[in-house]
Amino acid sequence: MAKKPNPFNPFGDDASAAQFAESVRASAQQIWLAGLGAFAKAQAEGSKVFEGLVREGADMQNKTQAAARDGLHEAGARFGSLASEFGARAAGQWDKLEGIFEERVAKALRKLGVPRIEELEQLAARVEALERAAKRPAAARKTAARPRHAAATPPPAAPAKRAARKRPAPRQD
């Protein structure tokens, strides 16, 4: 009877399997030796590589810190200008609101009959002029009291009308 092929041994005979096993062992040995060589080289040059990485990291840190400082300075300037612009806008709006408020208060005071400041100032000036005139001697007041147009005569007084009254009739008791 014929021998069935072993599914776990694709080579069929034992000699081929031994040869395959030997080639796998040789490859594994080479891989192991390559790993040990890389490890030895990394140990020898590792400190140099590590120092190089530290230098590159320090350079990168200095560059990023300088960029951050520049960005921070620029952002500070930008925020400063925005703050001053906002302050100017707010002041303008405040002035506008104050003007509207003053107009409305003045309108309400006029409706109530309260005199304006200009009218009060004119009145104060007239009072001061009258006080000065009252303090002058009598002779000076007489000349000041004369009308400015001496040629003009005062209008005649209107005749008084007498209403005819009925006298009550005498009583007869």
N, C-alpha and C. Protein backbone atom coordinates (compact mmCIF):
# COMPACT_ATOMS: atom_id res chain seq x y z
N MET A 1 0.79 -1.16 0.00
CA MET A 1 0.00 0.00 0.00
C MET A 1 0.86 1.26 0.00
N ALA A 2 0.36 2.29 -0.64
CA ALA A 2 1.15 3.50 -0.78
C ALA A 2 1.02 4.35 0.47
N LYS A 3 2.09 4.97 0.75
CA LYS A 3 2.17 5.81 1.95
C LYS A 3 1.53 7.16 1.66
N LYS A 4 0.66 7.62 2.60
CA LYS A 4 0.02 8.92 2.44
C LYS A 4 1.01 10.00 2.82
N PRO A 5 0.99 11.12 2.11
CA PRO A 5 1.91 12.20 2.48
C PRO A 5 1.50 12.81 3.81
N ASN A 6 2.48 13.15 4.63
CA ASN A 6 2.26 13.78 5.94
C ASN A 6 1.97 15.26 5.69
N PRO A 7 0.78 15.75 6.16
CA PRO A 7 0.46 17.15 5.93
C PRO A 7 1.39 18.09 6.68
N PHE A 8 2.06 17.61 7.71
CA PHE A 8 2.98 18.46 8.49
C PHE A 8 4.39 18.45 7.93
N ASN A 9 4.65 17.61 6.98
CA ASN A 9 5.96 17.50 6.36
C ASN A 9 5.78 17.65 4.86
N PRO A 10 5.86 18.85 4.32
CA PRO A 10 5.62 19.04 2.91
C PRO A 10 6.74 18.48 2.04
N PHE A 11 7.93 18.21 2.63
CA PHE A 11 9.07 17.77 1.84
C PHE A 11 8.99 16.28 1.54
N GLY A 12 8.21 15.56 2.22
CA GLY A 12 7.99 14.15 1.94
C GLY A 12 8.95 13.23 2.63
N ASP A 13 10.23 13.42 2.53
CA ASP A 13 11.14 12.48 3.17
C ASP A 13 11.88 13.12 4.32
N ASP A 14 12.52 12.34 5.10
CA ASP A 14 13.19 12.80 6.31
C ASP A 14 14.43 13.61 5.99
N ALA A 15 15.10 13.31 4.91
CA ALA A 15 16.33 14.02 4.57
C ALA A 15 16.00 15.47 4.23
N SER A 16 14.94 15.66 3.52
CA SER A 16 14.56 17.01 3.15
C SER A 16 14.15 17.80 4.38
N ALA A 17 13.47 17.16 5.31
CA ALA A 17 13.03 17.81 6.54
C ALA A 17 14.23 18.21 7.37
N ALA A 18 15.24 17.40 7.42
CA ALA A 18 16.45 17.70 8.20
C ALA A 18 17.18 18.88 7.57
N GLN A 19 17.24 18.89 6.25
CA GLN A 19 17.91 19.97 5.55
C GLN A 19 17.16 21.29 5.80
N PHE A 20 15.83 21.26 5.76
CA PHE A 20 15.01 22.46 6.02
C PHE A 20 15.23 22.95 7.44
N ALA A 21 15.27 22.06 8.39
CA ALA A 21 15.48 22.42 9.79
C ALA A 21 16.83 23.07 9.97
N GLU A 22 17.83 22.54 9.27
CA GLU A 22 19.19 23.10 9.38
C GLU A 22 19.23 24.51 8.80
N SER A 23 18.55 24.76 7.70
CA SER A 23 18.56 26.10 7.10
C SER A 23 17.82 27.09 8.00
N VAL A 24 16.74 26.65 8.69
CA VAL A 24 16.01 27.52 9.60
C VAL A 24 16.89 27.85 10.79
N ARG A 25 17.63 26.85 11.32
CA ARG A 25 18.53 27.08 12.45
C ARG A 25 19.63 28.06 12.07
N ALA A 26 20.15 27.92 10.87
CA ALA A 26 21.23 28.81 10.42
C ALA A 26 20.70 30.25 10.29
N SER A 27 19.50 30.41 9.76
CA SER A 27 18.92 31.75 9.62
C SER A 27 18.65 32.35 10.99
N ALA A 28 18.13 31.58 11.91
CA ALA A 28 17.86 32.07 13.26
C ALA A 28 19.16 32.49 13.92
N GLN A 29 20.23 31.70 13.70
CA GLN A 29 21.53 32.03 14.30
C GLN A 29 22.03 33.36 13.74
N GLN A 30 21.89 33.58 12.43
CA GLN A 30 22.34 34.83 11.81
C GLN A 30 21.52 36.02 12.35
N ILE A 31 20.23 35.82 12.50
CA ILE A 31 19.37 36.89 13.03
C ILE A 31 19.79 37.22 14.45
N TRP A 32 20.06 36.20 15.24
CA TRP A 32 20.49 36.40 16.64
C TRP A 32 21.80 37.17 16.67
N LEU A 33 22.74 36.78 15.84
CA LEU A 33 24.05 37.44 15.82
C LEU A 33 23.91 38.89 15.35
N ALA A 34 23.04 39.14 14.38
CA ALA A 34 22.83 40.51 13.90
C ALA A 34 22.25 41.37 15.03
N GLY A 35 21.32 40.82 15.81
CA GLY A 35 20.74 41.55 16.93
C GLY A 35 21.78 41.88 17.98
N LEU A 36 22.68 40.85 18.29
CA LEU A 36 23.75 41.10 19.26
C LEU A 36 24.72 42.16 18.76
N GLY A 37 25.00 42.15 17.47
CA GLY A 37 25.90 43.16 16.88
C GLY A 37 25.27 44.56 16.97
N ALA A 38 23.98 44.65 16.68
CA ALA A 38 23.31 45.95 16.77
C ALA A 38 23.29 46.45 18.20
N PHE A 39 23.09 45.54 19.13
CA PHE A 39 23.08 45.93 20.54
C PHE A 39 24.45 46.44 20.97
N ALA A 40 25.51 45.73 20.56
CA ALA A 40 26.87 46.15 20.91
C ALA A 40 27.19 47.51 20.29
N LYS A 41 26.80 47.68 19.03
CA LYS A 41 27.07 48.96 18.36
C LYS A 41 26.28 50.08 19.04
N ALA A 42 25.03 49.82 19.43
CA ALA A 42 24.21 50.83 20.08
C ALA A 42 24.82 51.21 21.43
N GLN A 43 25.40 50.20 22.12
CA GLN A 43 26.05 50.52 23.41
C GLN A 43 27.27 51.39 23.19
N ALA A 44 28.04 51.09 22.17
CA ALA A 44 29.27 51.84 21.91
C ALA A 44 28.95 53.25 21.42
N GLU A 45 28.03 53.36 20.52
CA GLU A 45 27.72 54.65 19.95
C GLU A 45 26.50 55.29 20.60
N GLY A 46 25.91 54.60 21.52
CA GLY A 46 24.69 55.09 22.17
C GLY A 46 24.89 56.40 22.87
N SER A 47 25.98 56.54 23.56
CA SER A 47 26.22 57.80 24.29
C SER A 47 26.39 58.95 23.31
N LYS A 48 27.06 58.67 22.15
CA LYS A 48 27.22 59.72 21.14
C LYS A 48 25.85 60.10 20.55
N VAL A 49 25.05 59.09 20.25
CA VAL A 49 23.72 59.35 19.69
C VAL A 49 22.86 60.10 20.71
N PHE A 50 22.96 59.67 21.97
CA PHE A 50 22.19 60.31 23.03
C PHE A 50 22.58 61.78 23.17
N GLU A 51 23.88 62.07 23.18
CA GLU A 51 24.35 63.46 23.28
C GLU A 51 23.89 64.28 22.08
N GLY A 52 23.91 63.67 20.89
CA GLY A 52 23.43 64.36 19.68
C GLY A 52 21.95 64.68 19.79
N LEU A 53 21.17 63.73 20.31
CA LEU A 53 19.75 63.96 20.49
C LEU A 53 19.48 65.06 21.52
N VAL A 54 20.30 65.09 22.59
CA VAL A 54 20.15 66.14 23.60
C VAL A 54 20.44 67.50 22.98
N ARG A 55 21.49 67.60 22.16
CA ARG A 55 21.81 68.88 21.50
C ARG A 55 20.67 69.32 20.58
N GLU A 56 20.17 68.39 19.78
CA GLU A 56 19.08 68.73 18.87
C GLU A 56 17.83 69.14 19.65
N GLY A 57 17.57 68.47 20.76
CA GLY A 57 16.42 68.83 21.60
C GLY A 57 16.57 70.22 22.19
N ALA A 58 17.79 70.56 22.65
CA ALA A 58 18.03 71.89 23.22
C ALA A 58 17.87 72.97 22.15
N ASP A 59 18.37 72.70 20.94
CA ASP A 59 18.20 73.65 19.84
C ASP A 59 16.72 73.86 19.53
N MET A 60 15.99 72.75 19.47
CA MET A 60 14.56 72.83 19.19
C MET A 60 13.83 73.60 20.29
N GLN A 61 14.22 73.38 21.54
CA GLN A 61 13.58 74.10 22.65
C GLN A 61 13.87 75.59 22.56
N ASN A 62 15.08 75.97 22.25
CA ASN A 62 15.42 77.40 22.12
C ASN A 62 14.63 78.05 20.99
N LYS A 63 14.49 77.34 19.87
CA LYS A 63 13.72 77.89 18.76
C LYS A 63 12.26 78.06 19.13
N THR A 64 11.67 77.07 19.78
CA THR A 64 10.25 77.17 20.14
C THR A 64 10.03 78.24 21.19
N GLN A 65 10.97 78.39 22.13
CA GLN A 65 10.82 79.45 23.14
C GLN A 65 10.92 80.83 22.50
N ALA A 66 11.82 80.99 21.54
CA ALA A 66 11.95 82.28 20.85
C ALA A 66 10.68 82.58 20.06
N ALA A 67 10.15 81.55 19.39
CA ALA A 67 8.91 81.74 18.63
C ALA A 67 7.76 82.08 19.57
N ALA A 68 7.72 81.42 20.73
CA ALA A 68 6.65 81.70 21.70
C ALA A 68 6.76 83.12 22.24
N ARG A 69 8.00 83.57 22.52
CA ARG A 69 8.19 84.95 22.99
C ARG A 69 7.72 85.95 21.94
N ASP A 70 8.10 85.72 20.68
CA ASP A 70 7.68 86.62 19.60
C ASP A 70 6.17 86.62 19.46
N GLY A 71 5.58 85.43 19.51
CA GLY A 71 4.12 85.33 19.40
C GLY A 71 3.43 86.00 20.57
N LEU A 72 4.00 85.84 21.76
CA LEU A 72 3.42 86.46 22.94
C LEU A 72 3.51 87.98 22.86
N HIS A 73 4.64 88.48 22.40
CA HIS A 73 4.81 89.93 22.25
C HIS A 73 3.82 90.47 21.22
N GLU A 74 3.69 89.75 20.10
CA GLU A 74 2.76 90.17 19.06
C GLU A 74 1.32 90.13 19.56
N ALA A 75 0.98 89.07 20.29
CA ALA A 75 -0.38 88.95 20.84
C ALA A 75 -0.65 90.06 21.85
N GLY A 76 0.34 90.38 22.67
CA GLY A 76 0.19 91.47 23.65
C GLY A 76 -0.05 92.80 22.96
N ALA A 77 0.69 93.05 21.89
CA ALA A 77 0.50 94.30 21.15
C ALA A 77 -0.88 94.34 20.51
N ARG A 78 -1.29 93.19 19.95
CA ARG A 78 -2.60 93.13 19.31
C ARG A 78 -3.72 93.34 20.33
N PHE A 79 -3.60 92.70 21.49
CA PHE A 79 -4.62 92.87 22.51
C PHE A 79 -4.62 94.29 23.07
N GLY A 80 -3.44 94.90 23.16
CA GLY A 80 -3.37 96.28 23.61
C GLY A 80 -4.09 97.22 22.66
N SER A 81 -3.89 97.01 21.36
CA SER A 81 -4.58 97.87 20.39
C SER A 81 -6.07 97.62 20.40
N LEU A 82 -6.47 96.35 20.56
CA LEU A 82 -7.90 96.04 20.64
C LEU A 82 -8.53 96.67 21.88
N ALA A 83 -7.80 96.63 23.00
CA ALA A 83 -8.32 97.23 24.23
C ALA A 83 -8.47 98.74 24.09
N SER A 84 -7.50 99.39 23.47
CA SER A 84 -7.62 100.85 23.31
C SER A 84 -8.75 101.19 22.33
N GLU A 85 -8.91 100.39 21.30
CA GLU A 85 -10.01 100.61 20.35
C GLU A 85 -11.36 100.41 21.04
N PHE A 86 -11.44 99.38 21.84
CA PHE A 86 -12.68 99.12 22.58
C PHE A 86 -12.97 100.26 23.55
N GLY A 87 -11.93 100.76 24.23
CA GLY A 87 -12.11 101.88 25.15
C GLY A 87 -12.59 103.13 24.42
N ALA A 88 -12.03 103.38 23.24
CA ALA A 88 -12.46 104.56 22.47
C ALA A 88 -13.92 104.42 22.03
N ARG A 89 -14.29 103.21 21.60
CA ARG A 89 -15.68 102.99 21.21
C ARG A 89 -16.61 103.17 22.40
N ALA A 90 -16.21 102.62 23.53
CA ALA A 90 -17.06 102.71 24.72
C ALA A 90 -17.20 104.18 25.14
N ALA A 91 -16.11 104.93 25.08
CA ALA A 91 -16.18 106.35 25.45
C ALA A 91 -17.09 107.11 24.49
N GLY A 92 -17.00 106.79 23.21
CA GLY A 92 -17.87 107.44 22.23
C GLY A 92 -19.33 107.13 22.50
N GLN A 93 -19.62 105.88 22.79
CA GLN A 93 -21.00 105.49 23.09
C GLN A 93 -21.46 106.15 24.39
N TRP A 94 -20.57 106.24 25.36
CA TRP A 94 -20.93 106.87 26.64
C TRP A 94 -21.24 108.34 26.42
N ASP A 95 -20.43 109.03 25.62
CA ASP A 95 -20.68 110.44 25.33
C ASP A 95 -22.01 110.62 24.62
N LYS A 96 -22.31 109.72 23.70
CA LYS A 96 -23.57 109.78 22.97
C LYS A 96 -24.75 109.59 23.93
N LEU A 97 -24.63 108.62 24.82
CA LEU A 97 -25.68 108.37 25.80
C LEU A 97 -25.85 109.55 26.74
N GLU A 98 -24.73 110.15 27.14
CA GLU A 98 -24.77 111.31 28.02
C GLU A 98 -25.47 112.49 27.33
N GLY A 99 -25.20 112.68 26.04
CA GLY A 99 -25.84 113.76 25.29
C GLY A 99 -27.35 113.56 25.20
N ILE A 100 -27.76 112.33 24.93
CA ILE A 100 -29.20 112.03 24.86
C ILE A 100 -29.85 112.29 26.21
N PHE A 101 -29.19 111.87 27.27
CA PHE A 101 -29.74 112.07 28.61
C PHE A 101 -29.88 113.56 28.92
N GLU A 102 -28.85 114.35 28.60
CA GLU A 102 -28.90 115.78 28.85
C GLU A 102 -30.02 116.45 28.07
N GLU A 103 -30.20 116.04 26.81
CA GLU A 103 -31.28 116.63 25.99
C GLU A 103 -32.64 116.33 26.60
N ARG A 104 -32.84 115.11 27.04
CA ARG A 104 -34.14 114.74 27.60
C ARG A 104 -34.40 115.44 28.93
N VAL A 105 -33.38 115.60 29.75
CA VAL A 105 -33.55 116.31 31.02
C VAL A 105 -33.88 117.78 30.75
N ALA A 106 -33.18 118.39 29.79
CA ALA A 106 -33.44 119.80 29.45
C ALA A 106 -34.87 119.96 28.93
N LYS A 107 -35.32 119.03 28.11
CA LYS A 107 -36.68 119.09 27.58
C LYS A 107 -37.70 118.99 28.71
N ALA A 108 -37.47 118.08 29.65
CA ALA A 108 -38.40 117.93 30.77
C ALA A 108 -38.40 119.18 31.64
N LEU A 109 -37.24 119.78 31.87
CA LEU A 109 -37.17 121.00 32.68
C LEU A 109 -37.88 122.16 31.99
N ARG A 110 -37.78 122.26 30.66
CA ARG A 110 -38.49 123.32 29.94
C ARG A 110 -40.00 123.14 30.07
N LYS A 111 -40.45 121.89 30.00
CA LYS A 111 -41.88 121.63 30.16
C LYS A 111 -42.37 122.03 31.55
N LEU A 112 -41.50 121.89 32.54
CA LEU A 112 -41.87 122.26 33.91
C LEU A 112 -41.74 123.75 34.17
N GLY A 113 -41.16 124.49 33.23
CA GLY A 113 -41.02 125.94 33.39
C GLY A 113 -39.74 126.35 34.10
N VAL A 114 -38.80 125.45 34.24
CA VAL A 114 -37.53 125.78 34.89
C VAL A 114 -36.68 126.53 33.87
N PRO A 115 -36.15 127.71 34.27
CA PRO A 115 -35.38 128.50 33.31
C PRO A 115 -34.05 127.82 32.96
N ARG A 116 -33.56 128.11 31.76
CA ARG A 116 -32.28 127.57 31.32
C ARG A 116 -31.15 128.36 31.98
N ILE A 117 -29.96 127.83 31.93
CA ILE A 117 -28.80 128.45 32.56
C ILE A 117 -28.52 129.82 31.94
N GLU A 118 -28.72 129.94 30.63
CA GLU A 118 -28.48 131.23 29.97
C GLU A 118 -29.43 132.28 30.50
N GLU A 119 -30.68 131.90 30.69
CA GLU A 119 -31.67 132.85 31.22
C GLU A 119 -31.32 133.26 32.65
N LEU A 120 -30.85 132.32 33.43
CA LEU A 120 -30.44 132.65 34.80
C LEU A 120 -29.23 133.58 34.81
N GLU A 121 -28.29 133.35 33.88
CA GLU A 121 -27.12 134.21 33.80
C GLU A 121 -27.52 135.63 33.39
N GLN A 122 -28.45 135.76 32.45
CA GLN A 122 -28.94 137.09 32.05
C GLN A 122 -29.62 137.78 33.22
N LEU A 123 -30.41 137.04 33.95
CA LEU A 123 -31.09 137.60 35.12
C LEU A 123 -30.09 138.04 36.17
N ALA A 124 -29.08 137.26 36.40
CA ALA A 124 -28.05 137.64 37.38
C ALA A 124 -27.34 138.91 36.94
N ALA A 125 -27.06 139.03 35.64
CA ALA A 125 -26.40 140.23 35.13
C ALA A 125 -27.29 141.45 35.34
N ARG A 126 -28.59 141.31 35.10
CA ARG A 126 -29.52 142.43 35.32
C ARG A 126 -29.58 142.82 36.79
N VAL A 127 -29.59 141.81 37.67
CA VAL A 127 -29.63 142.11 39.11
C VAL A 127 -28.37 142.84 39.52
N GLU A 128 -27.21 142.42 39.02
CA GLU A 128 -25.96 143.11 39.34
C GLU A 128 -26.00 144.55 38.85
N ALA A 129 -26.52 144.77 37.66
CA ALA A 129 -26.60 146.14 37.12
C ALA A 129 -27.53 146.98 37.98
N LEU A 130 -28.63 146.42 38.41
CA LEU A 130 -29.56 147.17 39.29
C LEU A 130 -28.91 147.46 40.64
N GLU A 131 -28.16 146.54 41.17
CA GLU A 131 -27.48 146.77 42.45
C GLU A 131 -26.45 147.89 42.32
N ARG A 132 -25.72 147.89 41.21
CA ARG A 132 -24.74 148.97 41.00
C ARG A 132 -25.47 150.30 40.87
N ALA A 133 -26.57 150.30 40.16
CA ALA A 133 -27.33 151.54 39.98
C ALA A 133 -27.88 152.02 41.32
N ALA A 134 -28.29 151.11 42.17
CA ALA A 134 -28.86 151.49 43.48
C ALA A 134 -27.78 152.06 44.39
N LYS A 135 -26.55 151.69 44.22
CA LYS A 135 -25.47 152.17 45.08
C LYS A 135 -24.95 153.53 44.65
N ARG A 136 -25.26 153.99 43.45
CA ARG A 136 -24.79 155.28 42.98
C ARG A 136 -25.51 156.40 43.72
N PRO A 137 -24.90 157.57 43.82
CA PRO A 137 -25.58 158.70 44.48
C PRO A 137 -26.86 159.09 43.74
N ALA A 138 -27.72 159.78 44.42
CA ALA A 138 -29.03 160.15 43.88
C ALA A 138 -28.91 161.00 42.61
N ALA A 139 -27.96 161.94 42.58
CA ALA A 139 -27.80 162.81 41.41
C ALA A 139 -27.47 161.98 40.17
N ALA A 140 -26.63 161.02 40.33
CA ALA A 140 -26.25 160.19 39.18
C ALA A 140 -27.44 159.34 38.75
N ARG A 141 -28.28 158.94 39.71
CA ARG A 141 -29.44 158.14 39.35
C ARG A 141 -30.45 158.94 38.55
N LYS A 142 -30.58 160.24 38.88
CA LYS A 142 -31.54 161.06 38.16
C LYS A 142 -31.14 161.20 36.70
N THR A 143 -29.86 161.42 36.45
CA THR A 143 -29.43 161.55 35.06
C THR A 143 -29.55 160.20 34.35
N ALA A 144 -29.34 159.15 35.07
CA ALA A 144 -29.45 157.83 34.46
C ALA A 144 -30.89 157.45 34.24
N ALA A 145 -31.80 158.03 35.05
CA ALA A 145 -33.20 157.66 34.95
C ALA A 145 -33.92 158.40 33.83
N ARG A 146 -33.33 159.48 33.31
CA ARG A 146 -33.95 160.23 32.23
C ARG A 146 -34.07 159.35 31.00
N PRO A 147 -35.12 159.61 30.24
CA PRO A 147 -35.26 158.80 29.01
C PRO A 147 -34.15 159.13 28.03
N ARG A 148 -33.83 158.22 27.23
CA ARG A 148 -32.74 158.40 26.27
C ARG A 148 -33.13 159.39 25.19
N HIS A 149 -34.36 159.38 24.80
CA HIS A 149 -34.83 160.32 23.77
C HIS A 149 -35.56 161.47 24.47
N ALA A 150 -34.85 162.53 24.70
CA ALA A 150 -35.43 163.67 25.42
C ALA A 150 -36.49 164.37 24.59
N ALA A 151 -36.38 164.31 23.27
CA ALA A 151 -37.33 165.01 22.41
C ALA A 151 -38.70 164.35 22.44
N ALA A 152 -38.70 163.10 22.73
CA ALA A 152 -39.98 162.40 22.74
C ALA A 152 -40.73 162.74 24.01
N THR A 153 -42.00 163.06 23.85
CA THR A 153 -42.82 163.39 25.01
C THR A 153 -43.69 162.20 25.33
N PRO A 154 -43.98 162.04 26.58
CA PRO A 154 -44.80 160.89 26.93
C PRO A 154 -46.20 161.06 26.38
N PRO A 155 -46.89 160.00 26.03
CA PRO A 155 -48.23 160.11 25.46
C PRO A 155 -49.19 160.62 26.52
N PRO A 156 -50.19 161.39 26.08
CA PRO A 156 -51.14 161.94 27.06
C PRO A 156 -51.96 160.83 27.68
N ALA A 157 -52.35 161.07 28.89
CA ALA A 157 -53.14 160.07 29.60
C ALA A 157 -54.53 160.04 29.01
N ALA A 158 -55.09 158.90 28.93
CA ALA A 158 -56.42 158.75 28.37
C ALA A 158 -57.43 159.32 29.36
N PRO A 159 -58.46 160.04 28.84
CA PRO A 159 -59.44 160.61 29.76
C PRO A 159 -60.19 159.50 30.47
N ALA A 160 -60.41 159.75 31.70
CA ALA A 160 -61.10 158.75 32.51
C ALA A 160 -62.57 158.80 32.19
N LYS A 161 -63.14 157.72 31.94
CA LYS A 161 -64.57 157.65 31.67
C LYS A 161 -65.28 157.43 32.97
N ARG A 162 -66.28 158.21 33.11
CA ARG A 162 -67.08 158.02 34.30
C ARG A 162 -68.33 157.28 33.91
N ALA A 163 -68.54 156.28 34.58
CA ALA A 163 -69.74 155.51 34.30
C ALA A 163 -70.89 156.15 35.04
N ALA A 164 -71.95 156.30 34.34
CA ALA A 164 -73.13 156.89 34.98
C ALA A 164 -73.71 155.86 35.91
N ARG A 165 -73.70 156.24 37.14
CA ARG A 165 -74.24 155.30 38.12
C ARG A 165 -75.62 155.75 38.52
N LYS A 166 -76.37 154.76 38.70
CA LYS A 166 -77.69 155.07 39.23
C LYS A 166 -77.57 155.09 40.72
N ARG A 167 -78.09 156.16 41.25
CA ARG A 167 -78.10 156.23 42.71
C ARG A 167 -79.34 155.50 43.21
N PRO A 168 -79.15 154.81 44.27
CA PRO A 168 -80.33 154.12 44.78
C PRO A 168 -81.36 155.17 45.27
N ALA A 169 -82.52 154.85 45.06
CA ALA A 169 -83.62 155.74 45.48
C ALA A 169 -83.65 155.81 47.00
N PRO A 170 -83.96 157.05 47.54
CA PRO A 170 -84.00 157.16 48.99
C PRO A 170 -85.12 156.30 49.54
N ARG A 171 -84.93 155.83 50.66
CA ARG A 171 -85.91 154.95 51.31
C ARG A 171 -87.00 155.72 51.92
N GLN A 172 -88.07 155.25 51.80
CA GLN A 172 -89.21 155.89 52.45
C GLN A 172 -89.76 154.90 53.44
N ASP A 173 -89.52 155.14 54.60
CA ASP A 173 -89.99 154.24 55.66
C ASP A 173 -91.16 154.76 56.34
